[in-house]
Protein backbone atom coordinates (compact mmCIF):
# COMPACT_ATOMS: atom_id res chain seq x y z
CA MET A 1 2.20 -41.71 -33.22
CA HIS A 2 2.06 -44.12 -36.18
CA ASP A 3 4.88 -44.35 -38.76
CA GLU A 4 2.81 -42.45 -41.30
CA ASP A 5 2.16 -39.64 -38.81
CA ILE A 6 5.88 -39.24 -38.22
CA PHE A 7 6.68 -39.13 -41.92
CA ALA A 8 3.81 -36.73 -42.59
CA ARG A 9 5.13 -34.39 -39.87
CA TYR A 10 8.72 -34.15 -41.07
CA GLU A 11 9.11 -35.68 -44.57
CA ASP A 12 8.49 -32.42 -46.43
CA GLU A 13 10.68 -30.28 -44.20
CA PRO A 14 14.33 -29.61 -45.00
CA ALA A 15 16.87 -31.92 -43.27
CA PRO A 16 14.24 -34.54 -42.19
CA LEU A 17 16.36 -37.48 -41.08
CA LEU A 18 17.29 -36.33 -37.59
CA PRO A 19 13.77 -35.38 -36.46
CA ILE A 20 12.37 -38.58 -37.91
CA LEU A 21 14.99 -40.66 -36.06
CA HIS A 22 14.19 -38.86 -32.85
CA ALA A 23 10.50 -39.39 -33.31
CA PHE A 24 10.93 -43.14 -33.65
CA HIS A 25 13.41 -43.14 -30.78
CA GLU A 26 10.95 -41.35 -28.52
CA ARG A 27 7.99 -43.47 -29.51
CA ASP A 28 9.64 -46.90 -29.22
CA GLY A 29 12.37 -46.17 -26.66
CA HIS A 30 15.01 -47.24 -29.18
CA VAL A 31 15.64 -47.30 -32.92
CA SER A 32 14.47 -50.74 -33.96
CA ASP A 33 15.33 -52.78 -37.05
CA ALA A 34 11.79 -52.12 -38.26
CA ALA A 35 12.27 -48.36 -37.91
CA ILE A 36 15.56 -48.45 -39.83
CA LEU A 37 13.86 -50.39 -42.61
CA ALA A 38 10.90 -48.01 -42.76
CA ILE A 39 13.09 -44.88 -42.76
CA SER A 40 15.46 -46.41 -45.33
CA GLU A 41 12.63 -47.13 -47.74
CA ARG A 42 10.81 -43.81 -47.21
CA LEU A 43 13.86 -41.51 -47.47
CA ARG A 44 15.65 -43.72 -49.99
CA ILE A 45 18.77 -44.10 -47.83
CA PRO A 46 20.58 -47.45 -48.25
CA LYS A 47 19.88 -49.51 -45.16
CA ALA A 48 23.58 -50.20 -44.52
CA ASP A 49 24.37 -46.46 -44.69
CA LEU A 50 21.50 -45.63 -42.35
CA PHE A 51 22.53 -48.33 -39.88
CA GLY A 52 26.07 -46.98 -39.86
CA THR A 53 24.79 -43.46 -39.20
CA VAL A 54 22.39 -44.49 -36.41
CA THR A 55 25.04 -46.50 -34.61
CA PHE A 56 27.61 -43.69 -34.88
CA TYR A 57 25.60 -41.42 -32.56
CA HIS A 58 25.92 -41.93 -28.78
CA HIS A 59 22.27 -41.35 -27.85
CA LEU A 60 20.31 -43.31 -30.42
CA SER A 61 19.85 -46.54 -28.54
CA ARG A 62 19.41 -49.80 -30.43
CA THR A 63 18.32 -51.64 -27.21
CA PRO A 64 14.67 -51.58 -26.07
CA GLY A 65 14.29 -49.13 -23.20
CA GLY A 66 17.65 -47.60 -23.89
CA GLN A 67 16.28 -44.09 -24.51
CA ALA A 68 15.09 -43.81 -20.92
CA ARG A 69 18.12 -45.38 -19.23
CA PRO A 70 20.04 -42.89 -17.02
CA ARG A 71 23.07 -41.31 -18.70
CA VAL A 72 25.64 -39.79 -16.40
CA CYS A 73 28.14 -37.18 -17.51
CA ASP A 74 31.75 -38.39 -17.32
CA GLY A 75 33.37 -35.14 -18.37
CA PRO A 76 36.57 -34.03 -16.66
CA VAL A 77 34.89 -31.86 -14.04
CA CYS A 78 32.15 -34.36 -13.27
CA CYS A 79 34.75 -37.11 -12.86
CA LEU A 80 36.32 -34.96 -10.11
CA ARG A 81 32.85 -34.69 -8.49
CA GLY A 82 32.03 -38.37 -8.18
CA ALA A 83 30.40 -39.17 -11.54
CA GLU A 84 31.66 -42.74 -11.56
CA THR A 85 30.10 -43.47 -8.15
CA MET A 86 26.84 -41.97 -9.27
CA ARG A 87 26.77 -43.99 -12.46
CA ALA A 88 27.34 -47.18 -10.56
CA ALA A 89 24.58 -46.33 -8.08
CA LEU A 90 22.10 -45.60 -10.87
CA ASP A 91 23.21 -48.52 -13.07
CA GLY A 92 23.47 -45.90 -15.84
CA GLU A 93 25.55 -45.31 -18.89
CA ALA A 94 28.31 -42.83 -19.29
CA MET A 95 27.85 -39.89 -21.62
CA PRO A 96 30.46 -37.38 -22.73
CA CYS A 97 30.59 -33.91 -21.08
CA SER A 98 27.06 -32.64 -21.27
CA GLY A 99 27.63 -28.92 -20.72
CA ARG A 100 26.83 -28.63 -17.01
CA CYS A 101 30.37 -28.15 -15.73
CA ASP A 102 29.23 -25.20 -13.63
CA ASP A 103 26.54 -27.36 -11.95
CA PRO A 104 27.72 -30.98 -11.67
CA VAL A 105 26.79 -33.80 -11.84
CA PRO A 106 24.16 -33.96 -14.61
CA VAL A 107 22.15 -37.09 -15.35
CA LEU A 108 19.87 -37.38 -18.37
CA PHE A 109 16.68 -39.37 -17.81
CA GLY A 110 15.05 -39.55 -21.23
CA ASN A 111 14.42 -35.87 -21.95
CA VAL A 112 14.81 -34.58 -18.43
CA THR A 113 18.11 -33.39 -16.99
CA LYS A 114 18.67 -33.66 -13.25
CA VAL A 115 21.77 -32.47 -11.44
CA GLY A 116 23.24 -33.00 -7.98
CA PRO A 117 26.28 -34.08 -6.04
CA SER A 118 24.95 -37.68 -5.54
CA ASN A 119 22.27 -40.00 -6.80
CA ASN A 120 20.18 -39.23 -3.68
CA ALA A 121 20.34 -35.46 -4.28
CA LEU A 122 19.38 -35.12 -7.95
CA GLU A 123 16.93 -32.45 -8.94
CA ALA A 124 15.72 -30.73 -12.07
CA ARG A 125 16.81 -27.10 -12.19
CA SER A 126 17.30 -24.46 -14.82
CA SER A 127 20.65 -23.27 -16.11
CA PRO A 128 22.45 -20.85 -13.75
CA LEU A 129 22.46 -17.26 -14.83
CA PRO A 130 25.89 -15.69 -15.33
CA PRO A 131 27.42 -14.15 -12.18
CA PRO A 132 26.96 -10.37 -11.79
CA ALA A 133 28.69 -8.34 -14.45
CA ARG A 134 32.22 -7.01 -13.73
CA GLY A 135 32.48 -4.82 -16.81
CA THR A 136 30.64 -3.68 -19.90
CA GLU A 137 28.99 -6.68 -21.58
CA CYS A 138 27.68 -7.39 -25.05
CA VAL A 139 25.79 -10.73 -25.09
CA PHE A 140 25.13 -10.77 -21.34
CA ALA A 141 24.10 -7.11 -21.01
CA HIS A 142 20.41 -7.87 -20.46
CA ILE A 143 20.40 -11.66 -19.86
CA ARG A 144 19.68 -11.25 -16.11
CA GLU A 145 16.54 -9.15 -16.74
CA PRO A 146 13.29 -10.88 -15.56
CA GLY A 147 11.42 -12.43 -18.47
CA ARG A 148 14.28 -11.95 -20.96
CA ALA A 149 13.56 -15.41 -22.52
CA THR A 150 10.08 -14.31 -23.61
CA LEU A 151 9.31 -12.09 -26.55
CA ASP A 152 7.78 -9.38 -24.39
CA GLY A 153 10.72 -9.42 -21.99
CA TYR A 154 13.21 -9.38 -24.83
CA ARG A 155 11.56 -6.39 -26.51
CA ARG A 156 11.53 -4.46 -23.23
CA THR A 157 15.34 -4.67 -23.17
CA ASP A 158 16.40 -3.54 -26.65
CA GLY A 159 15.14 -6.73 -28.34
CA TYR A 160 14.88 -6.67 -32.14
CA LYS A 161 16.20 -3.12 -32.28
CA GLY A 162 19.30 -4.49 -34.04
CA LEU A 163 17.08 -6.07 -36.72
CA GLU A 164 15.14 -2.84 -37.15
CA ALA A 165 18.46 -0.94 -37.56
CA ALA A 166 19.69 -3.53 -40.10
CA LEU A 167 16.57 -3.27 -42.22
CA LYS A 168 17.16 0.49 -42.60
CA LEU A 169 20.51 -0.25 -44.19
CA SER A 170 21.41 -2.09 -47.37
CA PRO A 171 22.78 -5.65 -46.97
CA ASP A 172 26.21 -4.33 -48.03
CA ALA A 173 26.09 -1.68 -45.31
CA VAL A 174 25.32 -4.33 -42.73
CA LEU A 175 28.25 -6.41 -43.90
CA ASP A 176 30.52 -3.36 -43.66
CA LEU A 177 29.35 -2.55 -40.12
CA VAL A 178 29.90 -6.14 -38.89
CA ASN A 179 33.32 -6.17 -40.53
CA GLN A 180 34.25 -2.80 -38.97
CA SER A 181 33.24 -4.09 -35.52
CA GLY A 182 36.03 -6.72 -35.59
CA LEU A 183 33.61 -9.47 -34.59
CA ALA A 184 35.22 -12.87 -35.24
CA GLY A 185 33.87 -16.36 -34.72
CA ARG A 186 33.43 -17.14 -31.04
CA GLY A 187 33.10 -20.91 -31.54
CA GLY A 188 36.80 -21.73 -32.02
CA ALA A 189 38.16 -20.78 -35.43
CA GLY A 190 38.04 -17.03 -34.92
CA PHE A 191 37.37 -16.23 -38.60
CA PRO A 192 36.12 -12.63 -39.18
CA THR A 193 32.31 -12.79 -39.34
CA GLY A 194 31.85 -9.97 -41.82
CA ARG A 195 34.26 -11.65 -44.28
CA LYS A 196 32.45 -14.96 -43.98
CA TRP A 197 29.06 -13.36 -44.56
CA ARG A 198 30.29 -11.38 -47.55
CA ALA A 199 31.70 -14.55 -49.09
CA VAL A 200 28.27 -16.16 -48.83
CA ARG A 201 26.53 -13.15 -50.23
CA GLU A 202 28.88 -12.95 -53.24
CA ALA A 203 28.85 -16.73 -53.88
CA GLU A 204 26.96 -17.95 -56.96
CA GLY A 205 23.56 -19.38 -56.41
CA ALA A 206 20.15 -18.09 -55.43
CA ARG A 207 19.64 -20.40 -52.43
CA LYS A 208 21.73 -19.61 -49.37
CA THR A 209 21.65 -20.93 -45.83
CA ILE A 210 22.47 -19.82 -42.27
CA VAL A 211 23.43 -22.57 -39.85
CA CYS A 212 23.82 -21.96 -36.12
CA ASN A 213 26.32 -24.40 -34.63
CA ALA A 214 24.77 -25.03 -31.19
CA ASP A 215 26.41 -28.42 -30.84
CA GLU A 216 28.37 -27.30 -27.80
CA GLY A 217 30.20 -30.56 -27.24
CA GLU A 218 33.63 -29.40 -26.15
CA PRO A 219 34.24 -30.45 -22.50
CA GLY A 220 34.25 -27.48 -20.23
CA CYS A 221 32.05 -25.31 -22.46
CA PHE A 222 28.53 -24.30 -21.43
CA LYS A 223 28.14 -20.66 -22.53
CA ASP A 224 25.81 -21.37 -25.45
CA ARG A 225 23.43 -23.24 -23.20
CA ALA A 226 23.10 -20.16 -20.98
CA LEU A 227 22.48 -17.87 -23.94
CA MET A 228 19.87 -20.12 -25.51
CA ASP A 229 18.10 -20.87 -22.19
CA HIS A 230 17.91 -17.29 -21.01
CA ASP A 231 18.14 -15.23 -24.22
CA PRO A 232 16.82 -17.30 -27.13
CA HIS A 233 15.48 -14.33 -29.09
CA ALA A 234 18.98 -12.87 -29.27
CA LEU A 235 20.00 -15.93 -31.25
CA ILE A 236 16.97 -15.69 -33.52
CA GLU A 237 17.54 -12.00 -34.11
CA GLY A 238 21.18 -12.57 -34.94
CA MET A 239 20.26 -15.29 -37.44
CA VAL A 240 17.67 -13.10 -39.14
CA ILE A 241 20.22 -10.26 -39.47
CA ALA A 242 22.71 -12.70 -40.95
CA ALA A 243 20.09 -13.84 -43.43
CA TYR A 244 19.33 -10.30 -44.49
CA ALA A 245 23.01 -9.52 -44.94
CA THR A 246 23.81 -12.67 -46.94
CA GLY A 247 20.57 -13.17 -48.85
CA ALA A 248 19.76 -16.46 -47.13
CA GLN A 249 16.24 -17.87 -47.04
CA LEU A 250 16.79 -21.02 -44.91
CA GLY A 251 18.28 -21.37 -41.41
CA PHE A 252 18.97 -24.17 -38.98
CA ILE A 253 19.87 -24.32 -35.32
CA TYR A 254 21.78 -27.53 -34.82
CA LEU A 255 21.32 -28.22 -31.14
CA ARG A 256 23.27 -30.79 -29.15
CA TYR A 257 21.25 -33.78 -27.86
CA GLU A 258 22.12 -33.20 -24.23
CA TYR A 259 20.07 -29.97 -24.05
CA PRO A 260 16.46 -31.28 -24.13
CA GLU A 261 15.14 -28.36 -22.04
CA THR A 262 16.84 -25.87 -24.34
CA LEU A 263 15.07 -27.47 -27.30
CA GLN A 264 11.68 -26.50 -25.72
CA VAL A 265 12.91 -22.96 -25.06
CA LEU A 266 14.06 -22.46 -28.64
CA GLU A 267 10.90 -23.88 -30.20
CA ARG A 268 8.73 -21.64 -28.01
CA ALA A 269 10.78 -18.57 -28.90
CA LEU A 270 10.58 -19.40 -32.61
CA ARG A 271 6.78 -19.71 -32.43
CA GLN A 272 6.65 -16.30 -30.78
CA ALA A 273 8.88 -14.71 -33.36
CA ARG A 274 6.93 -16.25 -36.28
CA ASP A 275 3.62 -15.06 -34.83
CA MET A 276 4.93 -11.51 -34.62
CA GLY A 277 6.44 -11.48 -38.14
CA LEU A 278 10.02 -11.48 -36.91
CA CYS A 279 11.00 -14.56 -38.87
CA GLY A 280 9.24 -16.63 -41.57
CA ASP A 281 7.45 -14.85 -44.44
CA ASP A 282 7.61 -11.11 -45.15
CA ILE A 283 9.63 -10.23 -42.04
CA LEU A 284 8.49 -6.85 -40.65
CA ASN A 285 6.66 -6.24 -43.95
CA GLN A 286 9.96 -5.88 -45.76
CA ASN A 287 9.44 -8.53 -48.46
CA PHE A 288 12.11 -10.63 -46.79
CA ASP A 289 11.60 -14.33 -46.01
CA PHE A 290 13.76 -16.44 -43.72
CA HIS A 291 12.65 -19.72 -42.13
CA ILE A 292 14.47 -21.29 -39.14
CA TYR A 293 14.28 -24.93 -38.14
CA VAL A 294 15.75 -26.56 -34.99
CA ARG A 295 17.52 -29.85 -35.59
CA ARG A 296 18.56 -31.83 -32.55
CA GLY A 297 21.78 -33.76 -32.81
CA ALA A 298 22.15 -37.28 -31.51
CA GLY A 299 25.44 -37.17 -29.59
CA ALA A 300 28.74 -36.87 -31.49
CA TYR A 301 31.57 -34.53 -30.60
CA ILE A 302 32.74 -34.47 -34.23
CA CYS A 303 29.49 -32.73 -35.22
CA GLY A 304 30.89 -29.55 -33.69
CA GLU A 305 33.16 -29.47 -36.73
CA GLU A 306 31.20 -27.47 -39.25
CA THR A 307 31.41 -29.81 -42.25
CA SER A 308 30.55 -32.87 -40.09
CA LEU A 309 27.56 -30.88 -38.84
CA LEU A 310 26.47 -30.19 -42.38
CA ASN A 311 26.74 -33.84 -43.31
CA SER A 312 24.67 -34.70 -40.18
CA LEU A 313 21.99 -32.21 -41.22
CA GLU A 314 21.84 -33.72 -44.66
CA GLY A 315 21.28 -37.22 -43.24
CA LYS A 316 24.74 -38.48 -44.15
CA HIS A 317 27.37 -40.12 -41.98
CA PRO A 318 28.87 -37.19 -40.06
CA PHE A 319 32.41 -37.41 -41.29
CA PRO A 320 34.34 -34.18 -41.93
CA ARG A 321 34.43 -33.07 -45.52
CA ASN A 322 37.52 -32.47 -47.56
CA ARG A 323 38.08 -28.71 -48.14
CA PRO A 324 37.98 -26.92 -50.53
CA PRO A 325 35.19 -26.30 -51.37
CA TYR A 326 34.36 -24.42 -48.22
CA PRO A 327 30.83 -24.07 -46.77
CA VAL A 328 30.67 -20.40 -47.85
CA THR A 329 30.43 -21.63 -51.47
CA SER A 330 29.21 -25.24 -51.00
CA GLY A 331 27.66 -25.94 -47.67
CA PHE A 332 24.20 -27.33 -46.83
CA GLU A 333 23.02 -29.24 -49.91
CA GLU A 334 25.78 -27.47 -51.84
CA THR A 335 24.27 -24.01 -51.18
CA PRO A 336 26.51 -21.13 -50.00
CA THR A 337 26.28 -21.42 -46.23
CA ALA A 338 27.40 -19.36 -43.22
CA VAL A 339 28.00 -21.51 -40.18
CA ASN A 340 28.27 -19.44 -36.98
CA ASN A 341 28.10 -20.45 -33.35
CA VAL A 342 25.57 -19.16 -30.78
CA GLU A 343 27.77 -16.54 -29.13
CA THR A 344 28.77 -15.03 -32.48
CA LEU A 345 25.19 -14.66 -33.64
CA CYS A 346 24.04 -13.25 -30.25
CA SER A 347 26.75 -10.61 -30.54
CA VAL A 348 25.29 -9.24 -33.79
CA PRO A 349 22.13 -7.53 -32.59
CA PRO A 350 23.92 -5.28 -30.03
CA ILE A 351 26.50 -4.37 -32.68
CA LEU A 352 23.77 -3.30 -35.13
CA HIS A 353 21.94 -1.38 -32.38
CA ARG A 354 24.95 0.30 -30.72
CA GLY A 355 27.53 0.49 -33.52
CA ALA A 356 30.80 -0.99 -34.58
CA GLU A 357 33.02 1.42 -32.59
CA TRP A 358 31.13 0.60 -29.39
CA TYR A 359 31.87 -3.10 -29.84
CA ARG A 360 35.54 -2.57 -30.78
CA GLY A 361 35.97 -0.48 -27.62
CA LEU A 362 34.95 -3.33 -25.33
CA GLY A 363 38.28 -5.09 -25.78
CA HIS A 364 41.65 -4.27 -24.17
CA GLY A 365 44.20 -2.47 -26.26
CA GLU A 366 43.96 -3.38 -29.94
CA HIS A 367 41.66 -6.35 -29.28
CA ALA A 368 38.03 -5.98 -30.34
CA GLY A 369 34.97 -7.01 -28.32
CA THR A 370 34.32 -9.54 -25.59
CA LYS A 371 34.45 -13.31 -25.10
CA VAL A 372 32.34 -15.48 -22.84
CA ILE A 373 34.53 -17.75 -20.77
CA SER A 374 32.99 -20.89 -19.28
CA LEU A 375 34.93 -21.38 -16.04
CA SER A 376 34.70 -24.64 -14.04
CA GLY A 377 36.60 -27.01 -11.82
CA ASP A 378 38.66 -26.17 -8.76
CA VAL A 379 37.67 -22.54 -8.44
CA GLN A 380 35.45 -20.80 -5.91
CA ARG A 381 32.92 -19.28 -8.29
CA PRO A 382 32.49 -21.32 -11.50
CA GLY A 383 30.16 -19.93 -14.20
CA ASN A 384 30.09 -17.98 -17.43
CA TYR A 385 32.00 -14.66 -17.48
CA GLU A 386 31.90 -12.20 -20.33
CA VAL A 387 35.42 -10.73 -20.35
CA PRO A 388 37.15 -8.10 -22.54
CA ILE A 389 39.35 -9.73 -25.10
CA GLY A 390 42.94 -9.32 -23.79
CA MET A 391 42.11 -9.43 -20.08
CA SER A 392 44.59 -11.43 -17.97
CA LEU A 393 43.76 -14.96 -16.92
CA ARG A 394 44.91 -14.12 -13.42
CA THR A 395 42.30 -11.37 -13.13
CA LEU A 396 39.56 -13.76 -14.13
CA LEU A 397 40.69 -16.54 -11.79
CA HIS A 398 41.54 -14.51 -8.69
CA GLU A 399 39.46 -11.30 -8.86
CA TRP A 400 36.35 -12.33 -10.74
CA ALA A 401 36.06 -16.02 -9.74
CA GLY A 402 37.34 -15.82 -6.16
CA GLY A 403 40.57 -17.77 -6.48
CA PRO A 404 41.27 -21.45 -5.52
CA ARG A 405 39.50 -23.49 -2.95
CA PRO A 406 40.62 -22.83 0.64
CA GLY A 407 44.05 -24.17 1.32
CA ARG A 408 44.82 -24.89 -2.35
CA THR A 409 46.75 -23.26 -5.16
CA PHE A 410 46.14 -23.36 -8.87
CA LYS A 411 48.20 -25.89 -10.77
CA ALA A 412 46.80 -25.77 -14.28
CA VAL A 413 43.88 -24.73 -16.49
CA THR A 414 42.76 -26.11 -19.82
CA MET A 415 42.17 -23.79 -22.73
CA ALA A 416 39.49 -24.12 -25.46
CA GLY A 417 37.76 -26.79 -23.37
CA LEU A 418 40.26 -29.62 -23.80
CA SER A 419 41.36 -28.71 -27.34
CA GLY A 420 43.90 -26.08 -26.31
CA GLY A 421 45.73 -28.32 -23.83
CA PHE A 422 47.03 -27.03 -20.50
CA ILE A 423 48.49 -23.76 -19.24
CA GLY A 424 50.53 -23.99 -16.11
CA GLY A 425 53.51 -22.64 -14.15
CA LYS A 426 54.24 -18.93 -14.33
CA ASP A 427 52.06 -18.60 -17.42
CA LEU A 428 49.01 -18.82 -15.18
CA ASP A 429 49.89 -15.32 -13.99
CA GLU A 430 51.15 -13.97 -17.34
CA VAL A 431 48.86 -15.02 -20.14
CA THR A 432 46.04 -12.83 -21.47
CA LEU A 433 42.78 -14.11 -22.86
CA ASP A 434 43.38 -13.48 -26.57
CA GLU A 435 44.51 -15.61 -29.46
CA PRO A 436 47.95 -14.05 -30.12
CA CYS A 437 49.10 -14.49 -26.53
CA LEU A 438 47.74 -17.98 -26.09
CA ARG A 439 49.04 -19.19 -29.44
CA SER A 440 52.51 -17.97 -28.40
CA LYS A 441 52.19 -20.54 -25.59
CA GLY A 442 51.18 -23.36 -27.88
CA SER A 443 47.49 -23.07 -27.02
CA PHE A 444 44.46 -21.11 -28.21
CA LEU A 445 41.31 -19.53 -26.77
CA GLY A 446 38.80 -21.33 -28.98
CA ALA A 447 35.32 -21.62 -27.66
CA GLY A 448 36.41 -20.32 -24.26
CA GLY A 449 36.10 -23.31 -21.98
CA VAL A 450 38.52 -23.03 -19.00
CA MET A 451 38.70 -25.92 -16.59
CA VAL A 452 40.73 -25.31 -13.41
CA PHE A 453 42.84 -27.93 -11.63
CA ASP A 454 44.43 -27.25 -8.25
CA ASP A 455 47.53 -28.73 -6.62
CA SER A 456 45.67 -31.84 -5.42
CA ARG A 457 45.23 -33.13 -9.03
CA ASP A 458 47.32 -35.66 -10.94
CA MET A 459 48.00 -33.99 -14.29
CA VAL A 460 49.24 -37.13 -16.00
CA GLU A 461 45.96 -38.85 -15.18
CA THR A 462 44.06 -35.75 -16.21
CA ALA A 463 45.86 -35.80 -19.56
CA ARG A 464 45.07 -39.51 -19.96
CA GLN A 465 41.38 -38.89 -19.42
CA ALA A 466 41.46 -36.02 -21.93
CA MET A 467 43.18 -38.15 -24.56
CA SER A 468 40.81 -41.02 -23.91
CA PHE A 469 37.96 -38.63 -24.68
CA PHE A 470 39.52 -37.65 -27.98
CA ALA A 471 40.16 -41.32 -28.85
CA HIS A 472 36.54 -42.17 -28.11
CA GLU A 473 35.22 -39.23 -30.14
CA SER A 474 37.50 -39.58 -33.17
CA CYS A 475 35.19 -40.22 -36.13
CA GLY A 476 37.70 -42.72 -37.56
CA LYS A 477 37.77 -41.26 -41.04
CA CYS A 478 41.54 -40.60 -41.08
CA PHE A 479 44.08 -42.97 -39.54
CA PRO A 480 46.46 -40.29 -38.05
CA CYS A 481 43.74 -39.22 -35.61
CA ARG A 482 42.06 -42.60 -35.21
CA ILE A 483 45.33 -44.42 -34.37
CA GLY A 484 47.22 -41.46 -32.88
CA THR A 485 44.68 -40.73 -30.17
CA GLN A 486 44.69 -44.40 -29.15
CA ARG A 487 48.45 -44.61 -29.07
CA LEU A 488 48.73 -41.42 -26.97
CA THR A 489 46.11 -42.71 -24.54
CA GLU A 490 48.08 -45.94 -24.14
CA ARG A 491 51.29 -44.10 -23.49
CA LEU A 492 49.75 -41.76 -20.97
CA ALA A 493 48.33 -44.80 -19.14
CA GLY A 494 51.72 -46.52 -19.24
CA ASP A 495 50.24 -49.44 -21.15
CA ALA A 496 52.65 -49.19 -24.05
CA GLY A 497 55.72 -47.38 -25.32
CA PRO A 498 59.20 -46.68 -23.94
CA ARG A 499 59.85 -46.87 -20.23
CA SER A 500 62.46 -44.11 -20.04
CA LEU A 501 61.28 -40.55 -20.02
CA PRO A 502 63.51 -39.19 -22.82
CA GLN A 503 62.43 -41.95 -25.18
CA TRP A 504 58.77 -41.64 -24.04
CA THR A 505 58.84 -37.88 -24.65
CA GLU A 506 60.44 -38.31 -28.08
CA GLU A 507 57.89 -40.91 -29.19
CA VAL A 508 54.90 -38.99 -27.86
CA SER A 509 56.10 -35.77 -29.53
CA ASP A 510 56.62 -37.61 -32.81
CA ILE A 511 53.10 -39.08 -32.74
CA GLY A 512 51.68 -35.66 -32.01
CA ALA A 513 53.61 -33.98 -34.77
CA THR A 514 52.37 -36.53 -37.30
CA MET A 515 48.83 -36.08 -36.14
CA LYS A 516 48.99 -32.28 -36.41
CA ALA A 517 50.53 -32.48 -39.92
CA THR A 518 48.19 -35.05 -41.45
CA SER A 519 44.86 -35.25 -39.67
CA ALA A 520 41.73 -34.46 -41.66
CA CYS A 521 40.09 -32.07 -39.18
CA GLY A 522 40.72 -30.07 -36.05
CA LEU A 523 40.25 -32.96 -33.59
CA GLY A 524 43.46 -34.66 -34.72
CA VAL A 525 45.27 -31.34 -34.74
CA ALA A 526 44.14 -30.29 -31.26
CA ALA A 527 44.48 -33.58 -29.34
CA PRO A 528 48.33 -33.54 -29.27
CA LEU A 529 48.28 -30.16 -27.54
CA VAL A 530 47.32 -32.10 -24.42
CA THR A 531 50.56 -34.11 -24.44
CA ASP A 532 52.63 -31.15 -25.74
CA SER A 533 51.50 -29.00 -22.79
CA LEU A 534 51.88 -31.84 -20.30
CA ILE A 535 55.52 -32.18 -21.35
CA ARG A 536 56.05 -28.41 -21.31
CA TYR A 537 54.56 -27.68 -17.84
CA PHE A 538 54.55 -30.92 -15.89
CA GLY A 539 57.86 -32.66 -16.58
CA ASP A 540 58.23 -33.27 -12.80
CA GLU A 541 55.11 -35.36 -12.73
CA LEU A 542 56.18 -37.26 -15.82
CA GLU A 543 59.57 -37.87 -14.22
CA ALA A 544 57.93 -39.17 -11.12
CA LYS A 545 55.96 -41.66 -13.22
CA TRP A 546 58.56 -42.78 -15.73
CA GLY A 547 61.84 -41.68 -14.17
CA ALA A 548 64.52 -39.64 -15.88
CA SER A 549 66.66 -42.52 -17.20
């Protein structure tokens, strides 16, 4: 494909930079100086700014042949499964956790993912389906049905009935129903979905936007991949309902780079939906237009933060934005924008079809709805489990997932991927999977990634690896996070800082408190939870390393 063909394909579409960069990257095997110059001149982006943006992303190679070079996941679970040995054998590059924690170790060869326990046993295979249901489900209720990823299969199992129900109501009535259901963001922040959508609808401006945050970059999280691979029309339907409720005309699915097969699934589903009048112009003959575009990221954990994602979409350097203003009033290209994650949007069609009270009743006690937990690590049956909000962690680990490996006991789990730090000790048997309980322990549920570590694991080293990840992924915009994550990594490694445990603990806690109080976004606030929880639960391992003096 010639330069002109690439520009002709994408230049007139919204958010053109990322697809243009990927087209050059695919064609040439890297992003060359000539490509940067051509894109800079055509899109009128200063060359220095464009160079800084390209080099910020992990997967946009500047070296000839770099696009096809093997990239081996070095996430926490894969490191426990021999990722470093595999990378050495393949002469590959490390990539951050690539969302295959339930099926390690993944290696990305260009746009093909292969997985296996060693370099001699790699094979391409589809995402595992969730284990059999243990209770009433919302987003996984039909996901195991044959053909569910196709339009015909989706419509056989209640597909697009939620949209049909929504179009019989006014937008305000849809907003009221979603609000009454108690649905809150399932990507981490937990903000009430109905309130967010109403803020977008009531914001000034005729142009409004829906953005699906499918940049599932949190280590230990892989639920969105399963939903998109096996139930893509549920996501499309949820976005169309969101557009109807808010008055949006434009939508984006911002997909993480490490899911190349998912990209094909989504694009096929979107073609099917457009052909049948389920998105695009005049949806279901209701004089309602909503156009969805898939935009593939290029590898940056910080793009999971909604304002960094919006800057990435707009072709800017993906730094977090200062807030206010918030995306609901000034999001994509300053339009009122609702940013929701995959699980949140996939929850909407069943709620419209079955009702708010049905959804509220899925939770335990006063908690509304369900949450998909991505469970991985030292547990017998890893995978995605849709649990009632408020269910005990012990029930999930021992009854649903089969308990620890033979001869082992559980020592710790992470919460919210890595962002919620560790839970250990007696709390493993006492906590419930809901925000109030977990926040009382200094953690949070977040996106629902739970990595399990048994009694064979060194928790100080596990914490060091986690902090090293945060240090590597810090965007560098604010110095509390940029410097703090580096200093905490050094102290966990024993490379710097006090040599006595009381002084070490005091200094590490002080660094963490400063980060939480002054960092610009959630990365700098969450990273210290790793060291906080290490001190809380694993003082004996710290004492063994530093001594009590």
